[in-house]
Each structure stands twice: as C-alpha cells, then as structure tokens.
Amino acid sequence: MIFAVALATGLFTAMLRSAFAVIAVAFMIGLIFLAAFLISGASVVGLLMSLLGFNAGLVTYGAGYLIFSGGSSA
C-alpha cells in the first residue's frame, strides 16, 4: 500500500512538470518519515518503499511521455 500511494504521488507530482514540486514532495516524504520514526519508531523499510514508489512514479511518467510523444525518427 505504501508503494502504491508513493507511485501515485510520483505520477501526480511529475504531471505538474515542475522540478520544485518534485523536490518539495520528496523533501516532505522524508520529513514525514523522520517525524514518524522519532515519534513512533516507524521502520526504515517503509521509507525505502516510499522513496522507491515515488521514483518509480516519476520514471513511469517519463517513460509514458516518451512512448506516447510520437517523436520523429531520424
């Protein structure tokens, strides 16, 4: 579930087409997991799954954009 939510977050962040948005969301993910780790002892595996899902969402959006852009062949 963590991976799926992070994947969707990565996709929607990439759709904003803003480097600032991508950096801000990645920073907020790290900040939220730091707070959860300090308060309730959240696992580092959850953080890694979240970052993996976020990056997978960004890569998926980029791959879909390249596939469906219909670029000209040389």
Protein backbone atom coordinates (compact mmCIF):
# COMPACT_ATOMS: atom_id res chain seq x y z
CA MET A 1 0.00 0.00 0.00
CA ILE A 2 2.87 2.36 0.78
CA PHE A 3 4.39 1.65 -2.63
CA ALA A 4 1.08 2.25 -4.45
CA VAL A 5 0.44 5.57 -2.72
CA ALA A 6 4.01 6.70 -3.36
CA LEU A 7 3.72 5.63 -7.00
CA ALA A 8 0.56 7.71 -7.43
CA THR A 9 2.22 10.64 -5.65
CA GLY A 10 5.19 10.42 -8.01
CA LEU A 11 2.92 10.30 -11.06
CA PHE A 12 0.85 13.29 -9.99
CA THR A 13 3.94 15.26 -8.99
CA ALA A 14 5.51 14.62 -12.39
CA MET A 15 2.32 15.80 -14.08
CA LEU A 16 2.90 19.22 -12.50
CA ARG A 17 6.05 19.46 -14.68
CA SER A 18 7.90 21.41 -12.02
CA ALA A 19 11.29 20.50 -10.61
CA PHE A 20 10.41 22.46 -7.47
CA ALA A 21 7.30 20.33 -6.92
CA VAL A 22 9.31 17.11 -7.26
CA ILE A 23 11.94 18.32 -4.79
CA ALA A 24 9.32 19.65 -2.36
CA VAL A 25 7.33 16.40 -2.34
CA ALA A 26 10.48 14.29 -1.90
CA PHE A 27 11.52 16.55 1.00
CA MET A 28 8.08 16.25 2.60
CA ILE A 29 8.17 12.43 2.31
CA GLY A 30 11.50 12.40 4.12
CA LEU A 31 10.28 14.85 6.75
CA ILE A 32 7.11 12.87 7.45
CA PHE A 33 9.04 9.62 7.82
CA LEU A 34 11.58 11.31 10.09
CA ALA A 35 8.75 12.52 12.33
CA ALA A 36 7.12 9.07 12.29
CA PHE A 37 10.46 7.45 13.14
CA LEU A 38 11.07 9.79 16.06
CA ILE A 39 7.53 9.62 17.43
CA SER A 40 6.50 6.00 16.90
CA GLY A 41 9.58 4.15 15.68
CA ALA A 42 8.47 3.69 12.07
CA SER A 43 10.62 1.32 10.05
CA VAL A 44 13.27 2.44 7.61
CA VAL A 45 11.90 -0.16 5.16
CA GLY A 46 8.73 1.93 4.91
CA LEU A 47 10.81 4.96 3.98
CA LEU A 48 12.71 2.98 1.36
CA MET A 49 9.47 1.60 -0.12
CA SER A 50 8.02 5.10 -0.24
CA LEU A 51 11.05 6.55 -1.99
CA LEU A 52 11.16 3.61 -4.39
CA GLY A 53 7.50 4.10 -5.26
CA PHE A 54 7.93 7.86 -5.70
CA ASN A 55 10.87 7.37 -8.05
CA ALA A 56 9.01 4.64 -9.93
CA GLY A 57 6.14 7.07 -10.45
CA LEU A 58 8.49 9.68 -11.89
CA VAL A 59 10.15 7.13 -14.18
CA THR A 60 6.77 5.74 -15.28
CA TYR A 61 5.56 9.21 -16.22
CA GLY A 62 8.76 9.94 -18.13
CA ALA A 63 8.61 6.62 -19.98
CA GLY A 64 4.95 7.13 -20.85
CA TYR A 65 5.71 10.62 -22.11
CA LEU A 66 8.49 9.32 -24.34
CA ILE A 67 6.44 6.40 -25.65
CA PHE A 68 3.34 8.42 -26.49
CA SER A 69 5.06 11.60 -27.69
CA GLY A 70 5.39 10.15 -31.18
CA GLY A 71 8.86 11.58 -31.69
CA SER A 72 10.20 11.78 -35.20
CA SER A 73 12.62 9.11 -36.29
CA ALA A 74 15.90 10.15 -37.88
